[in-house]
Amino acid sequence: WYRQGPGKEREWVAGITSGGTTNYQDSVKGRFTISRDKAGNT
């Protein structure tokens, strides 16, 4: 997941791998959670 704020460039927010490892931008840690379905379609 990425985001682009007003007047800013697109920045990375959160990621998840096929193995289930997640990573977050420091500013959203503890607040945001990324998840996916089994196939990665959603």
PDB file of all heavy atoms in Angstrom:
ATOM      1  N   TRP A   1       0.849  -1.178   0.000  1.00  0.00           N
ATOM      2  CA  TRP A   1       0.000   0.000   0.000  1.00  0.00           C
ATOM      3  C   TRP A   1       0.890   1.235   0.000  1.00  0.00           C
ATOM      4  O   TRP A   1       1.907   1.277   0.694  1.00  0.00           O
ATOM      5  CB  TRP A   1      -0.924   0.034   1.217  1.00  0.00           C
ATOM      6  CG  TRP A   1      -2.133  -0.839   1.085  1.00  0.00           C
ATOM      7  CD1 TRP A   1      -2.305  -2.089   1.569  1.00  0.00           C
ATOM      8  CD2 TRP A   1      -3.359  -0.490   0.432  1.00  0.00           C
ATOM      9  NE1 TRP A   1      -3.553  -2.563   1.261  1.00  0.00           N
ATOM     10  CE2 TRP A   1      -4.226  -1.603   0.559  1.00  0.00           C
ATOM     11  CE3 TRP A   1      -3.808   0.640  -0.249  1.00  0.00           C
ATOM     12  CZ2 TRP A   1      -5.519  -1.609   0.021  1.00  0.00           C
ATOM     13  CZ3 TRP A   1      -5.088   0.636  -0.781  1.00  0.00           C
ATOM     14  CH2 TRP A   1      -5.920  -0.475  -0.641  1.00  0.00           C
ATOM     15  N   TYR A   2       0.475   2.205  -0.764  1.00  0.00           N
ATOM     16  CA  TYR A   2       1.192   3.463  -0.887  1.00  0.00           C
ATOM     17  C   TYR A   2       0.207   4.597  -0.734  1.00  0.00           C
ATOM     18  O   TYR A   2      -1.003   4.408  -0.842  1.00  0.00           O
ATOM     19  CB  TYR A   2       1.876   3.561  -2.256  1.00  0.00           C
ATOM     20  CG  TYR A   2       2.823   2.427  -2.549  1.00  0.00           C
ATOM     21  CD1 TYR A   2       2.345   1.170  -2.922  1.00  0.00           C
ATOM     22  CD2 TYR A   2       4.205   2.607  -2.454  1.00  0.00           C
ATOM     23  CE1 TYR A   2       3.214   0.117  -3.186  1.00  0.00           C
ATOM     24  CE2 TYR A   2       5.074   1.563  -2.725  1.00  0.00           C
ATOM     25  CZ  TYR A   2       4.574   0.326  -3.086  1.00  0.00           C
ATOM     26  OH  TYR A   2       5.442  -0.707  -3.348  1.00  0.00           O
ATOM     27  N   ARG A   3       0.719   5.775  -0.491  1.00  0.00           N
ATOM     28  CA  ARG A   3      -0.168   6.923  -0.408  1.00  0.00           C
ATOM     29  C   ARG A   3       0.535   8.162  -0.929  1.00  0.00           C
ATOM     30  O   ARG A   3       1.756   8.267  -0.912  1.00  0.00           O
ATOM     31  CB  ARG A   3      -0.646   7.150   1.024  1.00  0.00           C
ATOM     32  CG  ARG A   3       0.442   7.569   2.007  1.00  0.00           C
ATOM     33  CD  ARG A   3      -0.116   7.597   3.414  1.00  0.00           C
ATOM     34  NE  ARG A   3       0.887   7.999   4.393  1.00  0.00           N
ATOM     35  CZ  ARG A   3       0.707   7.945   5.696  1.00  0.00           C
ATOM     36  NH1 ARG A   3      -0.451   7.508   6.205  1.00  0.00           N
ATOM     37  NH2 ARG A   3       1.678   8.329   6.521  1.00  0.00           N
ATOM     38  N   GLN A   4      -0.263   9.083  -1.387  1.00  0.00           N
ATOM     39  CA  GLN A   4       0.250  10.347  -1.894  1.00  0.00           C
ATOM     40  C   GLN A   4      -0.553  11.476  -1.275  1.00  0.00           C
ATOM     41  O   GLN A   4      -1.723  11.669  -1.595  1.00  0.00           O
ATOM     42  CB  GLN A   4       0.168  10.402  -3.417  1.00  0.00           C
ATOM     43  CG  GLN A   4       0.773  11.654  -4.009  1.00  0.00           C
ATOM     44  CD  GLN A   4       0.873  11.604  -5.520  1.00  0.00           C
ATOM     45  OE1 GLN A   4       1.565  12.403  -6.135  1.00  0.00           O
ATOM     46  NE2 GLN A   4       0.192  10.649  -6.133  1.00  0.00           N
ATOM     47  N   GLY A   5       0.067  12.191  -0.367  1.00  0.00           N
ATOM     48  CA  GLY A   5      -0.584  13.304   0.279  1.00  0.00           C
ATOM     49  C   GLY A   5      -0.557  14.539  -0.591  1.00  0.00           C
ATOM     50  O   GLY A   5       0.126  14.589  -1.612  1.00  0.00           O
ATOM     51  N   PRO A   6      -1.293  15.556  -0.204  1.00  0.00           N
ATOM     52  CA  PRO A   6      -1.349  16.799  -0.980  1.00  0.00           C
ATOM     53  C   PRO A   6       0.038  17.405  -1.173  1.00  0.00           C
ATOM     54  O   PRO A   6       0.759  17.635  -0.199  1.00  0.00           O
ATOM     55  CB  PRO A   6      -2.232  17.712  -0.131  1.00  0.00           C
ATOM     56  CG  PRO A   6      -3.055  16.775   0.696  1.00  0.00           C
ATOM     57  CD  PRO A   6      -2.137  15.625   0.999  1.00  0.00           C
ATOM     58  N   GLY A   7       0.405  17.639  -2.409  1.00  0.00           N
ATOM     59  CA  GLY A   7       1.685  18.247  -2.705  1.00  0.00           C
ATOM     60  C   GLY A   7       2.886  17.363  -2.445  1.00  0.00           C
ATOM     61  O   GLY A   7       4.019  17.853  -2.438  1.00  0.00           O
ATOM     62  N   LYS A   8       2.668  16.090  -2.234  1.00  0.00           N
ATOM     63  CA  LYS A   8       3.758  15.168  -1.947  1.00  0.00           C
ATOM     64  C   LYS A   8       3.849  14.065  -2.986  1.00  0.00           C
ATOM     65  O   LYS A   8       2.923  13.840  -3.762  1.00  0.00           O
ATOM     66  CB  LYS A   8       3.576  14.547  -0.558  1.00  0.00           C
ATOM     67  CG  LYS A   8       3.548  15.539   0.584  1.00  0.00           C
ATOM     68  CD  LYS A   8       3.366  14.828   1.910  1.00  0.00           C
ATOM     69  CE  LYS A   8       3.355  15.798   3.071  1.00  0.00           C
ATOM     70  NZ  LYS A   8       3.171  15.093   4.365  1.00  0.00           N
ATOM     71  N   GLU A   9       4.990  13.388  -2.976  1.00  0.00           N
ATOM     72  CA  GLU A   9       5.162  12.237  -3.843  1.00  0.00           C
ATOM     73  C   GLU A   9       4.568  11.001  -3.195  1.00  0.00           C
ATOM     74  O   GLU A   9       4.356  10.944  -1.981  1.00  0.00           O
ATOM     75  CB  GLU A   9       6.639  12.007  -4.130  1.00  0.00           C
ATOM     76  CG  GLU A   9       7.275  13.054  -5.022  1.00  0.00           C
ATOM     77  CD  GLU A   9       8.054  12.439  -6.164  1.00  0.00           C
ATOM     78  OE1 GLU A   9       8.839  11.503  -5.910  1.00  0.00           O
ATOM     79  OE2 GLU A   9       7.867  12.870  -7.313  1.00  0.00           O
ATOM     80  N   ARG A  10       4.305  10.018  -4.009  1.00  0.00           N
ATOM     81  CA  ARG A  10       3.787   8.764  -3.506  1.00  0.00           C
ATOM     82  C   ARG A  10       4.817   8.111  -2.593  1.00  0.00           C
ATOM     83  O   ARG A  10       6.010   8.085  -2.908  1.00  0.00           O
ATOM     84  CB  ARG A  10       3.439   7.835  -4.666  1.00  0.00           C
ATOM     85  CG  ARG A  10       2.841   6.495  -4.249  1.00  0.00           C
ATOM     86  CD  ARG A  10       2.544   5.640  -5.479  1.00  0.00           C
ATOM     87  NE  ARG A  10       1.404   6.151  -6.236  1.00  0.00           N
ATOM     88  CZ  ARG A  10       1.423   6.392  -7.535  1.00  0.00           C
ATOM     89  NH1 ARG A  10       2.514   6.188  -8.248  1.00  0.00           N
ATOM     90  NH2 ARG A  10       0.327   6.838  -8.137  1.00  0.00           N
ATOM     91  N   GLU A  11       4.374   7.623  -1.454  1.00  0.00           N
ATOM     92  CA  GLU A  11       5.258   6.986  -0.512  1.00  0.00           C
ATOM     93  C   GLU A  11       4.722   5.619  -0.106  1.00  0.00           C
ATOM     94  O   GLU A  11       3.515   5.388  -0.081  1.00  0.00           O
ATOM     95  CB  GLU A  11       5.446   7.851   0.739  1.00  0.00           C
ATOM     96  CG  GLU A  11       4.170   8.041   1.550  1.00  0.00           C
ATOM     97  CD  GLU A  11       4.380   8.839   2.815  1.00  0.00           C
ATOM     98  OE1 GLU A  11       5.537   9.169   3.143  1.00  0.00           O
ATOM     99  OE2 GLU A  11       3.376   9.141   3.491  1.00  0.00           O
ATOM    100  N   TRP A  12       5.623   4.741   0.233  1.00  0.00           N
ATOM    101  CA  TRP A  12       5.261   3.413   0.680  1.00  0.00           C
ATOM    102  C   TRP A  12       4.714   3.466   2.100  1.00  0.00           C
ATOM    103  O   TRP A  12       5.218   4.205   2.943  1.00  0.00           O
ATOM    104  CB  TRP A  12       6.488   2.505   0.624  1.00  0.00           C
ATOM    105  CG  TRP A  12       6.294   1.160   1.241  1.00  0.00           C
ATOM    106  CD1 TRP A  12       5.680   0.073   0.683  1.00  0.00           C
ATOM    107  CD2 TRP A  12       6.734   0.751   2.539  1.00  0.00           C
ATOM    108  NE1 TRP A  12       5.704  -0.990   1.552  1.00  0.00           N
ATOM    109  CE2 TRP A  12       6.349  -0.596   2.697  1.00  0.00           C
ATOM    110  CE3 TRP A  12       7.422   1.393   3.575  1.00  0.00           C
ATOM    111  CZ2 TRP A  12       6.628  -1.317   3.861  1.00  0.00           C
ATOM    112  CZ3 TRP A  12       7.701   0.679   4.722  1.00  0.00           C
ATOM    113  CH2 TRP A  12       7.309  -0.648   4.863  1.00  0.00           C
ATOM    114  N   VAL A  13       3.702   2.683   2.359  1.00  0.00           N
ATOM    115  CA  VAL A  13       3.061   2.666   3.661  1.00  0.00           C
ATOM    116  C   VAL A  13       3.175   1.311   4.342  1.00  0.00           C
ATOM    117  O   VAL A  13       3.531   1.223   5.519  1.00  0.00           O
ATOM    118  CB  VAL A  13       1.572   3.054   3.553  1.00  0.00           C
ATOM    119  CG1 VAL A  13       0.876   2.920   4.910  1.00  0.00           C
ATOM    120  CG2 VAL A  13       1.433   4.476   3.030  1.00  0.00           C
ATOM    121  N   ALA A  14       2.851   0.257   3.621  1.00  0.00           N
ATOM    122  CA  ALA A  14       2.838  -1.072   4.207  1.00  0.00           C
ATOM    123  C   ALA A  14       3.042  -2.120   3.136  1.00  0.00           C
ATOM    124  O   ALA A  14       2.698  -1.909   1.974  1.00  0.00           O
ATOM    125  CB  ALA A  14       1.525  -1.327   4.945  1.00  0.00           C
ATOM    126  N   GLY A  15       3.581  -3.247   3.525  1.00  0.00           N
ATOM    127  CA  GLY A  15       3.790  -4.331   2.587  1.00  0.00           C
ATOM    128  C   GLY A  15       3.594  -5.677   3.234  1.00  0.00           C
ATOM    129  O   GLY A  15       3.748  -5.826   4.452  1.00  0.00           O
ATOM    130  N   ILE A  16       3.266  -6.647   2.413  1.00  0.00           N
ATOM    131  CA  ILE A  16       3.109  -8.018   2.872  1.00  0.00           C
ATOM    132  C   ILE A  16       3.632  -8.943   1.793  1.00  0.00           C
ATOM    133  O   ILE A  16       3.424  -8.715   0.601  1.00  0.00           O
ATOM    134  CB  ILE A  16       1.635  -8.331   3.221  1.00  0.00           C
ATOM    135  CG1 ILE A  16       1.502  -9.734   3.822  1.00  0.00           C
ATOM    136  CG2 ILE A  16       0.734  -8.172   2.000  1.00  0.00           C
ATOM    137  CD1 ILE A  16       0.131 -10.006   4.417  1.00  0.00           C
ATOM    138  N   THR A  17       4.329  -9.992   2.201  1.00  0.00           N
ATOM    139  CA  THR A  17       4.873 -10.957   1.264  1.00  0.00           C
ATOM    140  C   THR A  17       3.979 -12.177   1.177  1.00  0.00           C
ATOM    141  O   THR A  17       3.064 -12.363   1.979  1.00  0.00           O
ATOM    142  CB  THR A  17       6.282 -11.402   1.676  1.00  0.00           C
ATOM    143  OG1 THR A  17       6.187 -12.202   2.868  1.00  0.00           O
ATOM    144  CG2 THR A  17       7.186 -10.207   1.934  1.00  0.00           C
ATOM    145  N   SER A  18       4.271 -13.024   0.204  1.00  0.00           N
ATOM    146  CA  SER A  18       3.515 -14.262   0.065  1.00  0.00           C
ATOM    147  C   SER A  18       3.697 -15.155   1.280  1.00  0.00           C
ATOM    148  O   SER A  18       2.851 -16.000   1.560  1.00  0.00           O
ATOM    149  CB  SER A  18       3.937 -15.004  -1.202  1.00  0.00           C
ATOM    150  OG  SER A  18       5.324 -15.306  -1.191  1.00  0.00           O
ATOM    151  N   GLY A  19       4.798 -14.976   1.984  1.00  0.00           N
ATOM    152  CA  GLY A  19       5.048 -15.739   3.186  1.00  0.00           C
ATOM    153  C   GLY A  19       4.379 -15.170   4.419  1.00  0.00           C
ATOM    154  O   GLY A  19       4.441 -15.773   5.491  1.00  0.00           O
ATOM    155  N   GLY A  20       3.747 -14.025   4.270  1.00  0.00           N
ATOM    156  CA  GLY A  20       3.021 -13.431   5.375  1.00  0.00           C
ATOM    157  C   GLY A  20       3.782 -12.387   6.166  1.00  0.00           C
ATOM    158  O   GLY A  20       3.251 -11.828   7.132  1.00  0.00           O
ATOM    159  N   THR A  21       5.012 -12.113   5.781  1.00  0.00           N
ATOM    160  CA  THR A  21       5.779 -11.096   6.475  1.00  0.00           C
ATOM    161  C   THR A  21       5.225  -9.715   6.160  1.00  0.00           C
ATOM    162  O   THR A  21       4.975  -9.392   5.006  1.00  0.00           O
ATOM    163  CB  THR A  21       7.255 -11.153   6.062  1.00  0.00           C
ATOM    164  OG1 THR A  21       7.790 -12.442   6.372  1.00  0.00           O
ATOM    165  CG2 THR A  21       8.068 -10.090   6.803  1.00  0.00           C
ATOM    166  N   THR A  22       5.045  -8.920   7.172  1.00  0.00           N
ATOM    167  CA  THR A  22       4.530  -7.568   6.993  1.00  0.00           C
ATOM    168  C   THR A  22       5.539  -6.534   7.454  1.00  0.00           C
ATOM    169  O   THR A  22       6.340  -6.777   8.361  1.00  0.00           O
ATOM    170  CB  THR A  22       3.220  -7.359   7.759  1.00  0.00           C
ATOM    171  OG1 THR A  22       3.432  -7.610   9.155  1.00  0.00           O
ATOM    172  CG2 THR A  22       2.135  -8.296   7.242  1.00  0.00           C
ATOM    173  N   ASN A  23       5.482  -5.392   6.825  1.00  0.00           N
ATOM    174  CA  ASN A  23       6.327  -4.267   7.195  1.00  0.00           C
ATOM    175  C   ASN A  23       5.518  -2.991   7.050  1.00  0.00           C
ATOM    176  O   ASN A  23       4.632  -2.904   6.205  1.00  0.00           O
ATOM    177  CB  ASN A  23       7.575  -4.190   6.319  1.00  0.00           C
ATOM    178  CG  ASN A  23       8.550  -5.298   6.593  1.00  0.00           C
ATOM    179  OD1 ASN A  23       8.585  -6.307   5.887  1.00  0.00           O
ATOM    180  ND2 ASN A  23       9.362  -5.124   7.639  1.00  0.00           N
ATOM    181  N   TYR A  24       5.856  -2.021   7.868  1.00  0.00           N
ATOM    182  CA  TYR A  24       5.115  -0.777   7.881  1.00  0.00           C
ATOM    183  C   TYR A  24       6.028   0.420   7.990  1.00  0.00           C
ATOM    184  O   TYR A  24       7.103   0.353   8.604  1.00  0.00           O
ATOM    185  CB  TYR A  24       4.142  -0.741   9.068  1.00  0.00           C
ATOM    186  CG  TYR A  24       3.152  -1.871   9.075  1.00  0.00           C
ATOM    187  CD1 TYR A  24       3.432  -3.053   9.752  1.00  0.00           C
ATOM    188  CD2 TYR A  24       1.941  -1.766   8.403  1.00  0.00           C
ATOM    189  CE1 TYR A  24       2.525  -4.101   9.757  1.00  0.00           C
ATOM    190  CE2 TYR A  24       1.032  -2.804   8.402  1.00  0.00           C
ATOM    191  CZ  TYR A  24       1.327  -3.969   9.083  1.00  0.00           C
ATOM    192  OH  TYR A  24       0.420  -5.007   9.082  1.00  0.00           O
ATOM    193  N   GLN A  25       5.584   1.499   7.403  1.00  0.00           N
ATOM    194  CA  GLN A  25       6.225   2.771   7.634  1.00  0.00           C
ATOM    195  C   GLN A  25       6.097   3.075   9.124  1.00  0.00           C
ATOM    196  O   GLN A  25       5.064   2.804   9.743  1.00  0.00           O
ATOM    197  CB  GLN A  25       5.540   3.854   6.799  1.00  0.00           C
ATOM    198  CG  GLN A  25       6.099   5.244   6.989  1.00  0.00           C
ATOM    199  CD  GLN A  25       5.312   6.264   6.199  1.00  0.00           C
ATOM    200  OE1 GLN A  25       5.363   6.297   4.966  1.00  0.00           O
ATOM    201  NE2 GLN A  25       4.586   7.110   6.916  1.00  0.00           N
ATOM    202  N   ASP A  26       7.149   3.626   9.700  1.00  0.00           N
ATOM    203  CA  ASP A  26       7.158   3.863  11.140  1.00  0.00           C
ATOM    204  C   ASP A  26       5.946   4.656  11.627  1.00  0.00           C
ATOM    205  O   ASP A  26       5.418   4.396  12.712  1.00  0.00           O
ATOM    206  CB  ASP A  26       8.435   4.594  11.556  1.00  0.00           C
ATOM    207  CG  ASP A  26       9.656   3.702  11.532  1.00  0.00           C
ATOM    208  OD1 ASP A  26       9.497   2.461  11.498  1.00  0.00           O
ATOM    209  OD2 ASP A  26      10.777   4.237  11.554  1.00  0.00           O
ATOM    210  N   SER A  27       5.518   5.603  10.846  1.00  0.00           N
ATOM    211  CA  SER A  27       4.433   6.474  11.280  1.00  0.00           C
ATOM    212  C   SER A  27       3.090   5.765  11.410  1.00  0.00           C
ATOM    213  O   SER A  27       2.174   6.295  12.043  1.00  0.00           O
ATOM    214  CB  SER A  27       4.287   7.666  10.329  1.00  0.00           C
ATOM    215  OG  SER A  27       3.851   7.255   9.049  1.00  0.00           O
ATOM    216  N   VAL A  28       2.966   4.576  10.821  1.00  0.00           N
ATOM    217  CA  VAL A  28       1.692   3.866  10.883  1.00  0.00           C
ATOM    218  C   VAL A  28       1.772   2.587  11.695  1.00  0.00           C
ATOM    219  O   VAL A  28       0.750   1.908  11.878  1.00  0.00           O
ATOM    220  CB  VAL A  28       1.142   3.551   9.476  1.00  0.00           C
ATOM    221  CG1 VAL A  28       1.100   4.815   8.630  1.00  0.00           C
ATOM    222  CG2 VAL A  28       1.974   2.470   8.787  1.00  0.00           C
ATOM    223  N   LYS A  29       2.934   2.249  12.189  1.00  0.00           N
ATOM    224  CA  LYS A  29       3.091   1.040  12.991  1.00  0.00           C
ATOM    225  C   LYS A  29       2.179   1.086  14.212  1.00  0.00           C
ATOM    226  O   LYS A  29       2.095   2.102  14.897  1.00  0.00           O
ATOM    227  CB  LYS A  29       4.540   0.869  13.434  1.00  0.00           C
ATOM    228  CG  LYS A  29       5.479   0.421  12.340  1.00  0.00           C
ATOM    229  CD  LYS A  29       6.898   0.222  12.862  1.00  0.00           C
ATOM    230  CE  LYS A  29       7.823  -0.271  11.777  1.00  0.00           C
ATOM    231  NZ  LYS A  29       9.219  -0.419  12.252  1.00  0.00           N
ATOM    232  N   GLY A  30       1.523  -0.023  14.449  1.00  0.00           N
ATOM    233  CA  GLY A  30       0.612  -0.102  15.574  1.00  0.00           C
ATOM    234  C   GLY A  30      -0.769   0.424  15.271  1.00  0.00           C
ATOM    235  O   GLY A  30      -1.687   0.247  16.080  1.00  0.00           O
ATOM    236  N   ARG A  31      -0.925   1.065  14.125  1.00  0.00           N
ATOM    237  CA  ARG A  31      -2.222   1.622  13.754  1.00  0.00           C
ATOM    238  C   ARG A  31      -2.797   0.964  12.506  1.00  0.00           C
ATOM    239  O   ARG A  31      -4.007   0.783  12.398  1.00  0.00           O
ATOM    240  CB  ARG A  31      -2.112   3.130  13.518  1.00  0.00           C
ATOM    241  CG  ARG A  31      -1.624   3.919  14.736  1.00  0.00           C
ATOM    242  CD  ARG A  31      -1.743   5.428  14.511  1.00  0.00           C
ATOM    243  NE  ARG A  31      -0.914   5.884  13.394  1.00  0.00           N
ATOM    244  CZ  ARG A  31      -1.394   6.469  12.293  1.00  0.00           C
ATOM    245  NH1 ARG A  31      -2.701   6.674  12.165  1.00  0.00           N
ATOM    246  NH2 ARG A  31      -0.562   6.862  11.335  1.00  0.00           N
ATOM    247  N   PHE A  32      -1.934   0.630  11.569  1.00  0.00           N
ATOM    248  CA  PHE A  32      -2.367   0.037  10.305  1.00  0.00           C
ATOM    249  C   PHE A  32      -2.009  -1.438  10.267  1.00  0.00           C
ATOM    250  O   PHE A  32      -0.978  -1.863  10.809  1.00  0.00           O
ATOM    251  CB  PHE A  32      -1.690   0.718   9.119  1.00  0.00           C
ATOM    252  CG  PHE A  32      -2.138   2.129   8.853  1.00  0.00           C
ATOM    253  CD1 PHE A  32      -2.911   2.837   9.755  1.00  0.00           C
ATOM    254  CD2 PHE A  32      -1.762   2.757   7.669  1.00  0.00           C
ATOM    255  CE1 PHE A  32      -3.314   4.141   9.501  1.00  0.00           C
ATOM    256  CE2 PHE A  32      -2.152   4.051   7.400  1.00  0.00           C
ATOM    257  CZ  PHE A  32      -2.927   4.750   8.310  1.00  0.00           C
ATOM    258  N   THR A  33      -2.824  -2.212   9.593  1.00  0.00           N
ATOM    259  CA  THR A  33      -2.565  -3.624   9.406  1.00  0.00           C
ATOM    260  C   THR A  33      -2.862  -4.007   7.963  1.00  0.00           C
ATOM    261  O   THR A  33      -3.960  -3.755   7.471  1.00  0.00           O
ATOM    262  CB  THR A  33      -3.426  -4.493  10.335  1.00  0.00           C
ATOM    263  OG1 THR A  33      -3.187  -4.137  11.697  1.00  0.00           O
ATOM    264  CG2 THR A  33      -3.072  -5.971  10.150  1.00  0.00           C
ATOM    265  N   ILE A  34      -1.884  -4.589   7.305  1.00  0.00           N
ATOM    266  CA  ILE A  34      -2.073  -5.043   5.937  1.00  0.00           C
ATOM    267  C   ILE A  34      -2.352  -6.543   5.960  1.00  0.00           C
ATOM    268  O   ILE A  34      -1.772  -7.292   6.747  1.00  0.00           O
ATOM    269  CB  ILE A  34      -0.838  -4.719   5.063  1.00  0.00           C
ATOM    270  CG1 ILE A  34      -1.104  -5.083   3.598  1.00  0.00           C
ATOM    271  CG2 ILE A  34       0.408  -5.414   5.586  1.00  0.00           C
ATOM    272  CD1 ILE A  34      -0.002  -4.602   2.643  1.00  0.00           C
ATOM    273  N   SER A  35      -3.233  -6.968   5.100  1.00  0.00           N
ATOM    274  CA  SER A  35      -3.558  -8.382   5.000  1.00  0.00           C
ATOM    275  C   SER A  35      -3.954  -8.699   3.570  1.00  0.00           C
ATOM    276  O   SER A  35      -4.163  -7.806   2.758  1.00  0.00           O
ATOM    277  CB  SER A  35      -4.680  -8.760   5.972  1.00  0.00           C
ATOM    278  OG  SER A  35      -5.861  -8.039   5.692  1.00  0.00           O
ATOM    279  N   ARG A  36      -4.062  -9.973   3.271  1.00  0.00           N
ATOM    280  CA  ARG A  36      -4.422 -10.396   1.934  1.00  0.00           C
ATOM    281  C   ARG A  36      -5.196 -11.697   1.980  1.00  0.00           C
ATOM    282  O   ARG A  36      -5.183 -12.408   2.985  1.00  0.00           O
ATOM    283  CB  ARG A  36      -3.172 -10.584   1.069  1.00  0.00           C
ATOM    284  CG  ARG A  36      -2.208 -11.642   1.614  1.00  0.00           C
ATOM    285  CD  ARG A  36      -1.098 -11.954   0.636  1.00  0.00           C
ATOM    286  NE  ARG A  36      -0.130 -12.893   1.200  1.00  0.00           N
ATOM    287  CZ  ARG A  36      -0.276 -14.209   1.200  1.00  0.00           C
ATOM    288  NH1 ARG A  36      -1.371 -14.766   0.664  1.00  0.00           N
ATOM    289  NH2 ARG A  36       0.655 -14.989   1.727  1.00  0.00           N
ATOM    290  N   ASP A  37      -5.857 -12.016   0.889  1.00  0.00           N
ATOM    291  CA  ASP A  37      -6.502 -13.309   0.793  1.00  0.00           C
ATOM    292  C   ASP A  37      -5.467 -14.316   0.320  1.00  0.00           C
ATOM    293  O   ASP A  37      -4.325 -13.976   0.002  1.00  0.00           O
ATOM    294  CB  ASP A  37      -7.737 -13.264  -0.117  1.00  0.00           C
ATOM    295  CG  ASP A  37      -7.414 -12.950  -1.573  1.00  0.00           C
ATOM    296  OD1 ASP A  37      -6.228 -12.882  -1.953  1.00  0.00           O
ATOM    297  OD2 ASP A  37      -8.379 -12.780  -2.344  1.00  0.00           O
ATOM    298  N   LYS A  38      -5.865 -15.563   0.280  1.00  0.00           N
ATOM    299  CA  LYS A  38      -4.933 -16.635  -0.033  1.00  0.00           C
ATOM    300  C   LYS A  38      -4.277 -16.461  -1.389  1.00  0.00           C
ATOM    301  O   LYS A  38      -3.068 -16.689  -1.548  1.00  0.00           O
ATOM    302  CB  LYS A  38      -5.648 -17.987   0.042  1.00  0.00           C
ATOM    303  CG  LYS A  38      -4.745 -19.181  -0.217  1.00  0.00           C
ATOM    304  CD  LYS A  38      -5.520 -20.480  -0.097  1.00  0.00           C
ATOM    305  CE  LYS A  38      -4.632 -21.685  -0.361  1.00  0.00           C
ATOM    306  NZ  LYS A  38      -5.391 -22.963  -0.236  1.00  0.00           N
ATOM    307  N   ALA A  39      -5.060 -16.076  -2.370  1.00  0.00           N
ATOM    308  CA  ALA A  39      -4.558 -15.947  -3.731  1.00  0.00           C
ATOM    309  C   ALA A  39      -3.864 -14.621  -4.001  1.00  0.00           C
ATOM    310  O   ALA A  39      -3.201 -14.476  -5.032  1.00  0.00           O
ATOM    311  CB  ALA A  39      -5.708 -16.139  -4.723  1.00  0.00           C
ATOM    312  N   GLY A  40      -4.022 -13.686  -3.111  1.00  0.00           N
ATOM    313  CA  GLY A  40      -3.436 -12.377  -3.332  1.00  0.00           C
ATOM    314  C   GLY A  40      -4.239 -11.524  -4.291  1.00  0.00           C
ATOM    315  O   GLY A  40      -3.735 -10.515  -4.791  1.00  0.00           O
ATOM    316  N   ASN A  41      -5.481 -11.923  -4.527  1.00  0.00           N
ATOM    317  CA  ASN A  41      -6.333 -11.138  -5.409  1.00  0.00           C
ATOM    318  C   ASN A  41      -6.888  -9.905  -4.708  1.00  0.00           C
ATOM    319  O   ASN A  41      -7.248  -8.930  -5.365  1.00  0.00           O
ATOM    320  CB  ASN A  41      -7.489 -11.991  -5.930  1.00  0.00           C
ATOM    321  CG  ASN A  41      -7.028 -13.089  -6.858  1.00  0.00           C
ATOM    322  OD1 ASN A  41      -6.033 -12.931  -7.568  1.00  0.00           O
ATOM    323  ND2 ASN A  41      -7.738 -14.202  -6.861  1.00  0.00           N
ATOM    324  N   THR A  42      -6.969  -9.988  -3.406  1.00  0.00           N
ATOM    325  CA  THR A  42      -7.457  -8.876  -2.619  1.00  0.00           C
ATOM    326  C   THR A  42      -6.501  -8.592  -1.483  1.00  0.00           C
ATOM    327  O   THR A  42      -6.055  -9.510  -0.794  1.00  0.00           O
ATOM    328  CB  THR A  42      -8.858  -9.158  -2.049  1.00  0.00           C
ATOM    329  OG1 THR A  42      -9.759  -9.492  -3.113  1.00  0.00           O
ATOM    330  CG2 THR A  42      -9.392  -7.942  -1.313  1.00  0.00           C
TER     331      THR A  42
END
